[in-house]
Amino acid sequence: MKISTWETSVGSRRSHDRDSTQHAIGDMVEQLVLPKMVQSHRELGLRPKLICDLDGFIELLLSNDQPSLIASIETMREAGHPLELIYSEVLTPAARRLGEKWLRDEFNFSEVTIATWQIEQLLHHFHQAFENSQRRHTSKASILISMMPGDQHSLGAKMLSTFFRKDHWEVTLLQPQSLQAIHDEVIASNPSLIAITVSQVESLGQVKLLLKLARQQPALRSMPWMIGGRVINEHPMQAVAVLSDRNIHLCQGDANQALVLARRLLGLEARGQAQSEHSKAATQH
């Protein structure tokens, strides 16, 4: 069957008009509808689900392109995701997956070093914005966060310190050369709480030795200790067997969970609730 030039022209014009209409609708949704949806969700205290291609984000880390990484974080923030959520659901899982791929020999040392360095640069770039975001004011305590001597994996401790500083804790972050250096800093800073990150199974015995060393000081005998890190997440039973002690509290999970545990250990949650109830009563009277 032959199709006339007029029919072809009409069909082409209809197709073009249909494409133009779809394009115009797409522009309208992108420019008008989506921003209003995001604003409405913010006003209601709702946030769209954070969906991130973790492997794609890791590829971006490996590309060593800091501007693109910053832009990707800003895009998430513009979509209504706070930095706290981005840190917990993107940066922390990315760091964990990097470690897993390294253990499986999928990444070499230089690749993991580049990627983790990029994450540290992101933490540094967004440091002020993160600490200036809305905070709770019920916490006011001090914490010493330390890696174990010789541990090269500092990202977890740095991430942890960022969350505690945001919550108004006084934080001392230590990358020590010896157990004695940790002990000396504990005495010097006299923190409310000690947190140790452990990335090697062999370090569990050192933690126990450090606790024994600290208990030689009467003022440190009742001080609570939180022990976290890769070893605690991956070998919890082995950690329990070595570090069974009334003052040691093993922390599995991310920085948010560590913060919850720390507040509970020092009774800060209960104190905050009591202050809130007192304020409400005073307002009513």
Protein backbone atom coordinates (compact mmCIF):
# COMPACT_ATOMS: atom_id res chain seq x y z
CA MET A 1 0.00 0.00 0.00
CA LYS A 2 1.29 3.41 -0.95
CA ILE A 3 1.32 6.21 1.59
CA SER A 4 0.88 9.68 0.17
CA THR A 5 3.27 12.51 0.95
CA TRP A 6 0.42 14.34 2.76
CA GLU A 7 -0.25 11.32 5.03
CA THR A 8 3.44 10.98 5.77
CA SER A 9 3.67 14.67 6.58
CA VAL A 10 0.62 14.52 8.85
CA GLY A 11 1.95 11.44 10.62
CA SER A 12 5.35 13.04 11.09
CA ARG A 13 3.74 16.23 12.37
CA ARG A 14 1.56 14.27 14.83
CA SER A 15 4.58 12.34 16.06
CA HIS A 16 6.51 15.59 16.49
CA ASP A 17 3.60 17.21 18.31
CA ARG A 18 3.27 14.17 20.59
CA ASP A 19 7.00 14.28 21.41
CA SER A 20 6.81 18.02 22.05
CA THR A 21 3.84 17.55 24.36
CA GLN A 22 5.57 14.79 26.30
CA HIS A 23 8.69 16.95 26.57
CA ALA A 24 6.64 19.91 27.81
CA ILE A 25 4.91 17.72 30.41
CA GLY A 26 8.28 16.38 31.54
CA ASP A 27 9.61 19.93 31.92
CA MET A 28 6.52 20.96 33.88
CA VAL A 29 6.87 18.01 36.26
CA GLU A 30 10.59 18.66 36.76
CA GLN A 31 10.28 22.44 37.21
CA LEU A 32 6.95 22.80 39.01
CA VAL A 33 5.59 19.58 40.46
CA LEU A 34 8.71 17.95 41.93
CA PRO A 35 9.98 21.05 43.80
CA LYS A 36 6.52 21.52 45.35
CA MET A 37 6.45 17.84 46.37
CA VAL A 38 9.86 18.17 47.99
CA GLN A 39 8.82 21.36 49.80
CA SER A 40 5.59 19.74 51.03
CA HIS A 41 7.50 16.75 52.35
CA ARG A 42 9.89 19.07 54.19
CA GLU A 43 7.04 21.03 55.76
CA LEU A 44 5.42 17.80 56.94
CA GLY A 45 8.71 16.45 58.27
CA LEU A 46 8.72 13.72 55.61
CA ARG A 47 11.64 12.80 53.39
CA PRO A 48 11.75 10.85 50.15
CA LYS A 49 13.54 7.53 50.47
CA LEU A 50 17.27 7.83 49.92
CA ILE A 51 18.14 5.54 47.03
CA CYS A 52 21.80 5.39 46.07
CA ASP A 53 23.67 3.15 43.65
CA LEU A 54 26.42 2.22 46.09
CA ASP A 55 28.66 0.60 43.48
CA GLY A 56 28.20 3.64 41.26
CA PHE A 57 29.13 5.92 44.15
CA ILE A 58 32.24 3.83 44.81
CA GLU A 59 33.22 4.19 41.15
CA LEU A 60 32.88 7.94 41.61
CA LEU A 61 35.14 7.73 44.68
CA LEU A 62 37.73 5.84 42.65
CA SER A 63 37.61 8.44 39.87
CA ASN A 64 39.31 10.85 42.29
CA ASP A 65 36.95 13.62 41.15
CA GLN A 66 36.17 15.65 44.28
CA PRO A 67 33.93 18.28 42.56
CA SER A 68 31.68 15.54 41.16
CA LEU A 69 31.49 13.86 44.56
CA ILE A 70 30.54 17.11 46.25
CA ALA A 71 27.92 17.71 43.55
CA SER A 72 26.44 14.24 44.14
CA ILE A 73 26.10 14.94 47.89
CA GLU A 74 24.55 18.34 47.19
CA THR A 75 22.02 16.68 44.88
CA MET A 76 20.99 14.35 47.72
CA ARG A 77 20.67 17.33 50.07
CA GLU A 78 18.54 19.23 47.55
CA ALA A 79 16.26 16.18 47.39
CA GLY A 80 15.57 16.64 51.11
CA HIS A 81 18.11 14.23 52.62
CA PRO A 82 20.03 15.60 55.64
CA LEU A 83 23.77 15.06 55.89
CA GLU A 84 23.28 12.76 58.88
CA LEU A 85 21.25 10.38 56.69
CA ILE A 86 23.72 10.65 53.81
CA TYR A 87 26.60 9.83 56.14
CA SER A 88 24.76 6.83 57.62
CA GLU A 89 23.25 5.38 54.43
CA VAL A 90 25.83 6.30 51.77
CA LEU A 91 29.29 7.09 53.16
CA THR A 92 29.36 4.48 55.92
CA PRO A 93 28.07 1.60 53.71
CA ALA A 94 30.48 2.70 50.96
CA ALA A 95 33.42 2.52 53.36
CA ARG A 96 32.24 -0.88 54.58
CA ARG A 97 31.91 -2.22 51.04
CA LEU A 98 35.38 -0.93 50.16
CA GLY A 99 36.76 -2.99 53.03
CA GLU A 100 34.84 -6.07 51.89
CA LYS A 101 36.10 -5.72 48.31
CA TRP A 102 39.64 -5.31 49.56
CA LEU A 103 39.38 -8.50 51.62
CA ARG A 104 38.10 -10.32 48.52
CA ASP A 105 41.00 -8.89 46.47
CA GLU A 106 38.59 -7.05 44.19
CA PHE A 107 40.34 -3.75 44.98
CA ASN A 108 44.02 -3.19 45.64
CA PHE A 109 45.48 -1.10 48.44
CA SER A 110 45.95 2.04 46.35
CA GLU A 111 42.33 1.96 45.15
CA VAL A 112 40.99 1.61 48.70
CA THR A 113 43.33 4.37 49.87
CA ILE A 114 42.10 6.76 47.16
CA ALA A 115 38.43 6.00 47.87
CA THR A 116 38.69 6.33 51.66
CA TRP A 117 40.70 9.53 51.28
CA GLN A 118 37.90 10.94 49.14
CA ILE A 119 35.35 10.08 51.85
CA GLU A 120 37.54 11.85 54.41
CA GLN A 121 37.67 14.90 52.12
CA LEU A 122 33.86 14.87 51.92
CA LEU A 123 33.66 14.81 55.71
CA HIS A 124 36.04 17.75 55.83
CA HIS A 125 34.14 19.70 53.13
CA PHE A 126 30.73 19.31 54.80
CA HIS A 127 32.10 19.55 58.36
CA GLN A 128 30.67 22.99 59.12
CA ALA A 129 27.30 22.33 57.50
CA PHE A 130 26.96 19.06 59.40
CA GLU A 131 27.74 20.57 62.80
CA ASN A 132 25.54 23.60 62.15
CA SER A 133 22.49 21.48 61.32
CA GLN A 134 19.75 21.14 63.93
CA ARG A 135 21.16 19.51 67.06
CA ARG A 136 19.89 18.24 70.36
CA HIS A 137 21.06 20.29 73.31
CA THR A 138 20.46 17.70 76.04
CA SER A 139 23.94 16.17 75.68
CA LYS A 140 26.95 17.78 77.26
CA ALA A 141 29.67 15.26 77.93
CA SER A 142 33.18 14.39 76.80
CA ILE A 143 34.48 11.38 74.94
CA LEU A 144 37.91 10.10 73.97
CA ILE A 145 37.75 8.27 70.63
CA SER A 146 40.86 6.26 69.81
CA MET A 147 42.06 3.79 67.25
CA MET A 148 44.40 1.02 68.29
CA PRO A 149 48.17 1.51 67.89
CA GLY A 150 49.31 0.86 64.33
CA ASP A 151 45.77 0.86 62.93
CA GLN A 152 45.72 2.54 59.52
CA HIS A 153 41.91 2.56 59.22
CA SER A 154 41.02 5.99 60.61
CA LEU A 155 37.81 6.67 58.68
CA GLY A 156 35.49 4.97 61.19
CA ALA A 157 36.89 6.93 64.12
CA LYS A 158 36.68 10.20 62.19
CA MET A 159 33.07 9.52 61.21
CA LEU A 160 32.26 8.70 64.84
CA SER A 161 33.85 11.93 66.09
CA THR A 162 31.81 13.93 63.57
CA PHE A 163 28.53 12.58 64.93
CA PHE A 164 29.50 13.20 68.56
CA ARG A 165 30.64 16.76 67.86
CA LYS A 166 27.33 17.44 66.14
CA ASP A 167 25.59 16.35 69.33
CA HIS A 168 27.60 18.88 71.40
CA TRP A 169 30.06 16.41 72.89
CA GLU A 170 33.60 17.46 73.64
CA VAL A 171 35.61 15.07 71.50
CA THR A 172 39.26 14.06 71.65
CA LEU A 173 40.29 12.00 68.62
CA LEU A 174 43.46 9.97 69.01
CA GLN A 175 45.61 8.01 66.56
CA PRO A 176 48.15 6.63 69.05
CA GLN A 177 51.51 4.98 68.57
CA SER A 178 51.22 2.87 71.74
CA LEU A 179 48.84 1.73 74.48
CA GLN A 180 50.68 4.00 76.86
CA ALA A 181 49.78 6.97 74.65
CA ILE A 182 46.07 6.13 75.00
CA HIS A 183 46.45 5.69 78.77
CA ASP A 184 48.27 9.03 79.11
CA GLU A 185 45.57 10.84 77.08
CA VAL A 186 42.81 9.31 79.19
CA ILE A 187 44.46 10.66 82.33
CA ALA A 188 45.11 14.07 80.75
CA SER A 189 41.62 14.63 79.28
CA ASN A 190 39.59 12.71 81.91
CA PRO A 191 36.66 12.01 79.54
CA SER A 192 33.17 10.91 80.56
CA LEU A 193 33.45 7.96 78.17
CA ILE A 194 36.11 6.11 76.19
CA ALA A 195 35.45 4.71 72.71
CA ILE A 196 37.91 2.40 70.97
CA THR A 197 37.61 1.30 67.34
CA VAL A 198 39.08 -2.13 66.59
CA SER A 199 39.76 -3.33 63.05
CA GLN A 200 41.95 -6.37 63.77
CA VAL A 201 41.12 -9.44 65.86
CA GLU A 202 44.63 -9.38 67.29
CA SER A 203 43.88 -6.01 68.89
CA LEU A 204 41.22 -7.43 71.25
CA GLY A 205 43.90 -8.64 73.66
CA GLN A 206 45.49 -5.19 73.58
CA VAL A 207 42.17 -3.59 74.53
CA LYS A 208 41.97 -5.87 77.57
CA LEU A 209 45.53 -4.94 78.51
CA LEU A 210 44.70 -1.25 78.13
CA LEU A 211 41.71 -1.62 80.46
CA LYS A 212 43.93 -3.32 83.06
CA LEU A 213 46.44 -0.48 82.72
CA ALA A 214 43.73 2.16 83.16
CA ARG A 215 42.34 0.51 86.28
CA GLN A 216 45.56 1.22 88.09
CA GLN A 217 44.12 4.73 88.42
CA PRO A 218 41.25 4.76 90.96
CA ALA A 219 39.45 7.57 89.08
CA LEU A 220 39.25 5.42 85.94
CA ARG A 221 37.95 2.20 87.48
CA SER A 222 34.26 2.94 86.91
CA MET A 223 34.61 4.78 83.60
CA PRO A 224 32.52 3.17 80.81
CA TRP A 225 34.21 1.94 77.64
CA MET A 226 32.58 1.47 74.23
CA ILE A 227 34.33 -0.87 71.82
CA GLY A 228 33.28 -0.86 68.17
CA GLY A 229 34.62 -1.26 64.65
CA ARG A 230 34.89 -3.98 62.04
CA VAL A 231 35.97 -6.74 64.45
CA ILE A 232 32.97 -6.15 66.73
CA ASN A 233 30.59 -6.25 63.76
CA GLU A 234 32.11 -9.32 62.12
CA HIS A 235 33.35 -11.34 65.14
CA PRO A 236 31.02 -10.43 68.03
CA MET A 237 31.30 -13.76 69.86
CA GLN A 238 35.09 -13.66 69.81
CA ALA A 239 34.97 -10.09 71.10
CA VAL A 240 32.60 -11.09 73.92
CA ALA A 241 34.89 -13.97 74.90
CA VAL A 242 37.95 -11.70 75.18
CA LEU A 243 36.35 -8.50 76.48
CA SER A 244 33.83 -9.74 79.01
CA ASP A 245 33.86 -6.97 81.62
CA ARG A 246 31.25 -4.91 83.48
CA ASN A 247 32.66 -1.62 82.16
CA ILE A 248 33.05 -2.66 78.52
CA HIS A 249 30.10 -2.24 76.18
CA LEU A 250 30.38 -3.64 72.67
CA CYS A 251 28.78 -1.48 70.01
CA GLN A 252 27.62 -3.03 66.74
CA GLY A 253 26.30 -0.79 63.99
CA ASP A 254 26.99 2.74 62.80
CA ALA A 255 27.83 6.08 64.41
CA ASN A 256 24.18 6.85 65.17
CA GLN A 257 23.84 3.64 67.19
CA ALA A 258 27.09 4.41 69.00
CA LEU A 259 25.71 7.82 69.95
CA VAL A 260 22.50 6.27 71.29
CA LEU A 261 24.51 3.79 73.39
CA ALA A 262 26.80 6.53 74.72
CA ARG A 263 23.88 8.70 75.78
CA ARG A 264 22.29 5.74 77.52
CA LEU A 265 25.50 4.79 79.35
CA LEU A 266 25.81 8.29 80.80
CA GLY A 267 22.10 8.68 81.50
CA LEU A 268 21.80 11.62 79.12
CA GLU A 269 18.57 10.42 77.50
CA ALA A 270 16.80 10.25 80.86
CA ARG A 271 18.23 13.62 81.87
CA GLY A 272 17.06 15.16 78.60
CA GLN A 273 13.54 13.79 79.06
CA ALA A 274 13.43 15.13 82.63
CA GLN A 275 14.54 18.58 81.47
CA SER A 276 11.92 18.55 78.72
CA GLU A 277 9.14 17.61 81.18
CA HIS A 278 10.33 20.30 83.60
CA SER A 279 10.26 22.91 80.82
CA LYS A 280 6.73 21.90 79.83
CA ALA A 281 5.55 22.13 83.45
CA ALA A 282 7.13 25.57 83.85
CA THR A 283 5.43 26.76 80.64
CA GLN A 284 2.04 25.55 81.79
CA HIS A 285 2.39 27.44 85.09
